C-alpha atoms as a PDB file:
ATOM      1  CA  MET A   1     105.107  89.255 100.350  1.00  0.00           C
ATOM      2  CA  ILE A   2     108.268  90.130  98.430  1.00  0.00           C
ATOM      3  CA  ALA A   3     108.156  92.579  95.547  1.00  0.00           C
ATOM      4  CA  LYS A   4     110.251  91.860  92.488  1.00  0.00           C
ATOM      5  CA  LEU A   5     111.711  94.165  89.896  1.00  0.00           C
ATOM      6  CA  GLY A   6     112.286  92.571  86.498  1.00  0.00           C
ATOM      7  CA  VAL A   7     115.097  93.786  84.280  1.00  0.00           C
ATOM      8  CA  VAL A   8     115.677  92.472  80.790  1.00  0.00           C
ATOM      9  CA  PHE A   9     119.142  92.502  79.273  1.00  0.00           C
ATOM     10  CA  ILE A  10     119.358  92.254  75.496  1.00  0.00           C
ATOM     11  CA  MET A  11     122.569  91.453  73.714  1.00  0.00           C
ATOM     12  CA  ALA A  12     122.332  91.888  69.962  1.00  0.00           C
ATOM     13  CA  VAL A  13     124.666  91.484  67.041  1.00  0.00           C
ATOM     14  CA  LEU A  14     123.863  93.277  63.827  1.00  0.00           C
ATOM     15  CA  SER A  15     125.035  91.708  60.594  1.00  0.00           C
ATOM     16  CA  GLU A  16     124.514  92.411  56.933  1.00  0.00           C
ATOM     17  CA  GLU A  17     123.849  89.624  54.485  1.00  0.00           C
ATOM     18  CA  GLU A  18     123.178  89.603  50.779  1.00  0.00           C
ATOM     19  CA  VAL A  19     120.394  87.353  49.582  1.00  0.00           C
ATOM     20  CA  ASP A  20     119.487  87.257  45.879  1.00  0.00           C
ATOM     21  CA  GLY A  21     121.216  90.580  45.317  1.00  0.00           C
ATOM     22  CA  THR A  22     119.339  92.261  48.186  1.00  0.00           C
ATOM     23  CA  SER A  23     121.191  93.527  51.211  1.00  0.00           C
ATOM     24  CA  LEU A  24     119.468  92.413  54.428  1.00  0.00           C
ATOM     25  CA  LEU A  25     120.234  93.604  57.905  1.00  0.00           C
ATOM     26  CA  SER A  26     119.685  90.876  60.442  1.00  0.00           C
ATOM     27  CA  VAL A  27     119.739  90.920  64.193  1.00  0.00           C
ATOM     28  CA  ARG A  28     120.749  87.952  66.283  1.00  0.00           C
ATOM     29  CA  GLY A  29     120.293  88.356  69.977  1.00  0.00           C
ATOM     30  CA  VAL A  30     119.848  86.819  73.349  1.00  0.00           C
ATOM     31  CA  MET A  31     117.368  88.030  75.930  1.00  0.00           C
ATOM     32  CA  GLN A  32     118.004  87.334  79.576  1.00  0.00           C
ATOM     33  CA  ASP A  33     115.584  88.135  82.371  1.00  0.00           C
ATOM     34  CA  ARG A  34     117.250  88.993  85.647  1.00  0.00           C
ATOM     35  CA  THR A  35     114.752  89.380  88.468  1.00  0.00           C
ATOM     36  CA  THR A  36     115.963  91.265  91.495  1.00  0.00           C
ATOM     37  CA  THR A  37     114.230  91.022  94.848  1.00  0.00           C
ATOM     38  CA  LEU A  38     113.910  94.356  96.582  1.00  0.00           C
ATOM     39  CA  ALA A  39     112.554  94.132 100.105  1.00  0.00           C
ATOM     40  CA  LYS A  40     112.751  95.650 103.562  1.00  0.00           C
ATOM     41  CA  ASN A  41     112.255  93.278 106.473  1.00  0.00           C
ATOM     42  CA  ILE A  42     110.243  95.059 109.114  1.00  0.00           C
ATOM     43  CA  GLU A  43     108.188  94.387 112.226  1.00  0.00           C
ATOM     44  CA  VAL A  44     104.786  95.930 112.811  1.00  0.00           C
ATOM     45  CA  ILE A  45     103.646  95.909 116.434  1.00  0.00           C
ATOM     46  CA  GLY A  46     100.024  96.734 117.154  1.00  0.00           C
ATOM     47  CA  THR A  47      98.792  97.086 120.712  1.00  0.00           C
ATOM     48  CA  THR A  48      95.073  96.900 121.361  1.00  0.00           C
ATOM     49  CA  SER A  49      93.591  99.479 123.719  1.00  0.00           C
ATOM     50  CA  THR A  50      92.383  98.530 127.190  1.00  0.00           C
ATOM     51  CA  ARG A  51      89.107 100.421 126.564  1.00  0.00           C
ATOM     52  CA  LYS A  52      85.832  98.532 126.594  1.00  0.00           C
ATOM     53  CA  HIS A  53      85.096  96.962 123.163  1.00  0.00           C
ATOM     54  CA  ALA A  54      88.673  97.618 121.945  1.00  0.00           C
ATOM     55  CA  ASP A  55      89.188  94.023 120.792  1.00  0.00           C
ATOM     56  CA  SER A  56      88.074  92.718 117.414  1.00  0.00           C
ATOM     57  CA  ASN A  57      86.023  89.663 116.476  1.00  0.00           C
ATOM     58  CA  ASP A  58      87.962  88.260 113.543  1.00  0.00           C
ATOM     59  CA  GLY A  59      91.017  90.429 112.855  1.00  0.00           C
ATOM     60  CA  ARG A  60      90.361  91.270 109.186  1.00  0.00           C
ATOM     61  CA  PHE A  61      92.660  94.273 109.201  1.00  0.00           C
ATOM     62  CA  TYR A  62      95.353  95.258 106.727  1.00  0.00           C
ATOM     63  CA  ILE A  63      98.261  97.657 106.351  1.00  0.00           C
ATOM     64  CA  THR A  64      99.689  99.361 103.270  1.00  0.00           C
ATOM     65  CA  PHE A  65     102.526 101.846 102.866  1.00  0.00           C
ATOM     66  CA  SER A  66     102.962 104.871 100.654  1.00  0.00           C
ATOM     67  CA  GLY A  67     105.268 103.845  97.786  1.00  0.00           C
ATOM     68  CA  ASP A  68     104.216 100.163  97.956  1.00  0.00           C
ATOM     69  CA  ASP A  69     101.265  98.708  96.026  1.00  0.00           C
ATOM     70  CA  ASN A  70     101.009  95.592  98.219  1.00  0.00           C
ATOM     71  CA  GLU A  71      98.458  94.887 100.940  1.00  0.00           C
ATOM     72  CA  TYR A  72      99.677  93.109 104.085  1.00  0.00           C
ATOM     73  CA  SER A  73      97.342  91.214 106.405  1.00  0.00           C
ATOM     74  CA  LEU A  74      97.417  91.918 110.126  1.00  0.00           C
ATOM     75  CA  ASP A  75      96.047  88.465 110.919  1.00  0.00           C
ATOM     76  CA  THR A  76      96.651  87.453 114.533  1.00  0.00           C
ATOM     77  CA  GLY A  77      96.383  83.720 113.881  1.00  0.00           C
ATOM     78  CA  ARG A  78      93.498  83.552 116.341  1.00  0.00           C
ATOM     79  CA  ASN A  79      90.004  84.980 116.460  1.00  0.00           C
ATOM     80  CA  GLY A  80      90.911  88.692 116.400  1.00  0.00           C
ATOM     81  CA  PHE A  81      92.736  91.166 118.631  1.00  0.00           C
ATOM     82  CA  VAL A  82      92.704  90.893 122.434  1.00  0.00           C
ATOM     83  CA  GLN A  83      92.092  93.882 124.695  1.00  0.00           C
ATOM     84  CA  GLY A  84      95.403  95.214 126.122  1.00  0.00           C
ATOM     85  CA  GLN A  85      97.557  92.760 124.154  1.00  0.00           C
ATOM     86  CA  SER A  86     100.303  93.430 121.562  1.00  0.00           C
ATOM     87  CA  ASP A  87     100.656  91.524 118.302  1.00  0.00           C
ATOM     88  CA  THR A  88     103.757  91.489 116.082  1.00  0.00           C
ATOM     89  CA  TRP A  89     103.913  90.843 112.337  1.00  0.00           C
ATOM     90  CA  ALA A  90     107.170  90.265 110.439  1.00  0.00           C
ATOM     91  CA  LEU A  91     106.741  91.669 106.922  1.00  0.00           C
ATOM     92  CA  SER A  92     108.903  91.994 103.830  1.00  0.00           C
ATOM     93  CA  VAL A  93     107.814  95.195 102.126  1.00  0.00           C
ATOM     94  CA  THR A  94     108.929  96.802  98.873  1.00  0.00           C
ATOM     95  CA  SER A  95     112.147  98.774  99.255  1.00  0.00           C
ATOM     96  CA  GLY A  96     110.354 101.949  98.084  1.00  0.00           C
ATOM     97  CA  ALA A  97     107.812 101.737 100.920  1.00  0.00           C
ATOM     98  CA  ASP A  98     107.648 104.817 103.142  1.00  0.00           C
ATOM     99  CA  LEU A  99     107.413 103.230 106.582  1.00  0.00           C
ATOM    100  CA  THR A 100     106.397 106.566 108.123  1.00  0.00           C
ATOM    101  CA  LYS A 101     103.166 106.696 106.076  1.00  0.00           C
ATOM    102  CA  PRO A 102     101.152 103.532 106.757  1.00  0.00           C
ATOM    103  CA  THR A 103      97.423 103.076 106.251  1.00  0.00           C
ATOM    104  CA  ILE A 104      95.570 100.616 108.468  1.00  0.00           C
ATOM    105  CA  TYR A 105      92.087  99.547 107.440  1.00  0.00           C
ATOM    106  CA  THR A 106      89.391  96.929 107.604  1.00  0.00           C
ATOM    107  CA  LYS A 107      87.395  95.486 104.740  1.00  0.00           C
ATOM    108  CA  GLU A 108      83.632  95.503 105.072  1.00  0.00           C
ATOM    109  CA  HIS A 109      82.217  92.010 105.470  1.00  0.00           C
ATOM    110  CA  SER A 110      78.449  91.854 105.368  1.00  0.00           C
ATOM    111  CA  ASN A 111      78.286  88.826 107.657  1.00  0.00           C
ATOM    112  CA  SER A 112      81.049  89.939 110.046  1.00  0.00           C
ATOM    113  CA  PRO A 113      81.643  93.685 110.362  1.00  0.00           C
ATOM    114  CA  ASP A 114      84.466  94.315 112.806  1.00  0.00           C
ATOM    115  CA  ALA A 115      86.100  97.066 114.831  1.00  0.00           C
ATOM    116  CA  TRP A 116      89.512  97.535 116.468  1.00  0.00           C
ATOM    117  CA  ILE A 117      90.808 100.224 118.801  1.00  0.00           C
ATOM    118  CA  PRO A 118      94.603 100.190 118.628  1.00  0.00           C
ATOM    119  CA  SER A 119      96.371 102.138 121.366  1.00  0.00           C
ATOM    120  CA  SER A 120      99.658 102.141 119.442  1.00  0.00           C
ATOM    121  CA  ILE A 121     101.247 101.130 116.154  1.00  0.00           C
ATOM    122  CA  VAL A 122     105.039 100.740 116.048  1.00  0.00           C
ATOM    123  CA  ILE A 123     107.159  99.880 112.990  1.00  0.00           C
ATOM    124  CA  LYS A 124     110.717  98.641 113.409  1.00  0.00           C
ATOM    125  CA  LYS A 125     113.412  98.123 110.801  1.00  0.00           C
ATOM    126  CA  ALA A 126     116.587  96.275 111.849  1.00  0.00           C
ATOM    127  CA  GLY A 127     115.410  96.500 115.471  1.00  0.00           C
ATOM    128  CA  ARG A 128     115.182 100.317 115.348  1.00  0.00           C
ATOM    129  CA  ILE A 129     111.858 102.155 115.682  1.00  0.00           C
ATOM    130  CA  VAL A 130     111.113 104.083 112.471  1.00  0.00           C
ATOM    131  CA  PHE A 131     107.440 104.847 113.183  1.00  0.00           C
ATOM    132  CA  ASN A 132     105.592 105.188 116.487  1.00  0.00           C
ATOM    133  CA  ALA A 133     101.955 106.251 116.930  1.00  0.00           C
ATOM    134  CA  ASN A 134     100.824 106.153 120.562  1.00  0.00           C
ATOM    135  CA  GLY A 135      97.585 107.162 122.235  1.00  0.00           C
ATOM    136  CA  LEU A 136      95.523 106.844 119.053  1.00  0.00           C
ATOM    137  CA  PRO A 137      92.122 108.531 119.505  1.00  0.00           C
ATOM    138  CA  ALA A 138      90.521 106.335 116.856  1.00  0.00           C
ATOM    139  CA  ILE A 139      88.512 103.228 116.166  1.00  0.00           C
ATOM    140  CA  ILE A 140      88.918 101.387 112.877  1.00  0.00           C
ATOM    141  CA  ASP A 141      85.423 100.099 112.195  1.00  0.00           C
ATOM    142  CA  GLY A 142      83.768  98.469 109.190  1.00  0.00           C
ATOM    143  CA  ASN A 143      80.420  99.889 110.342  1.00  0.00           C
ATOM    144  CA  CYS A 144      81.412 103.550 110.040  1.00  0.00           C
ATOM    145  CA  GLU A 145      78.832 104.902 107.631  1.00  0.00           C
ATOM    146  CA  THR A 146      80.624 108.240 107.618  1.00  0.00           C
ATOM    147  CA  ASP A 147      83.781 109.341 109.380  1.00  0.00           C
ATOM    148  CA  GLY A 148      82.939 111.023 112.657  1.00  0.00           C
ATOM    149  CA  LEU A 149      82.993 110.803 116.420  1.00  0.00           C
ATOM    150  CA  GLN A 150      81.701 107.678 118.089  1.00  0.00           C
ATOM    151  CA  TRP A 151      82.225 105.657 121.288  1.00  0.00           C
ATOM    152  CA  GLY A 152      83.363 108.191 123.839  1.00  0.00           C
ATOM    153  CA  GLY A 153      85.016 110.724 121.553  1.00  0.00           C
ATOM    154  CA  LEU A 154      86.952 108.318 119.303  1.00  0.00           C
ATOM    155  CA  PHE A 155      87.324 109.204 115.653  1.00  0.00           C
ATOM    156  CA  CYS A 156      85.580 106.448 113.647  1.00  0.00           C
ATOM    157  CA  ALA A 157      86.846 105.420 110.202  1.00  0.00           C
ATOM    158  CA  LYS A 158      87.216 102.358 107.986  1.00  0.00           C
ATOM    159  CA  SER A 159      90.870 103.334 107.506  1.00  0.00           C
ATOM    160  CA  ILE A 160      93.461 105.539 109.156  1.00  0.00           C
ATOM    161  CA  THR A 161      96.370 106.976 107.209  1.00  0.00           C
ATOM    162  CA  PHE A 162      99.332 108.397 109.049  1.00  0.00           C
ATOM    163  CA  PRO A 163     100.401 110.969 109.883  1.00  0.00           C
ATOM    164  CA  PHE A 164      97.039 111.070 111.658  1.00  0.00           C
ATOM    165  CA  LYS A 165      95.899 114.534 112.647  1.00  0.00           C
ATOM    166  CA  GLU A 166      93.197 115.137 115.180  1.00  0.00           C
ATOM    167  CA  VAL A 167      91.053 118.220 114.682  1.00  0.00           C
ATOM    168  CA  ASN A 168      88.648 119.578 117.263  1.00  0.00           C
ATOM    169  CA  VAL A 169      85.664 121.507 115.966  1.00  0.00           C
ATOM    170  CA  GLU A 170      83.541 123.546 118.336  1.00  0.00           C
ATOM    171  CA  VAL A 171      80.106 124.717 117.278  1.00  0.00           C
ATOM    172  CA  LYS A 172      78.222 127.334 119.311  1.00  0.00           C
ATOM    173  CA  THR A 173      74.582 128.067 118.792  1.00  0.00           C
ATOM    174  CA  LYS A 174      72.476 130.932 120.118  1.00  0.00           C
ATOM    175  CA  LYS A 175      70.161 130.129 123.000  1.00  0.00           C
END
């Protein structure tokens, strides 16, 4: 998807005419729409964890960036993500997108809820890494009723926004 910024140039000429003894000010002008394409070509590389049940069933996952109103599909072109495998997506994002603040999420589908455990998300611009999240302790799951721990200590959420911060809470009760 390529975002466009529209700019309108107006050239106007003011003139004064007299009609039936009344002075009229008229404006003659030309409007010209110049649309400028503003985009960053990037690569998003997602690697699926090698943990049990890390792969997804249908790959209905998306990514957005702070400063960009567009949603980008992370469709693999096959039936979901494969355990231990990397997938790469070439995207053209709005030039104002903050590549260091992505959000990855799934949309709830009543007939096909899905989950994905990515082990890393890397974003490259012009071949250079601009974002790298490794060792993610999270599962992105459409079945998360509430955010919390699930599946061997993984944080469960329908979406993850970076920078992702892990918080450990310890509760002690009296015996």
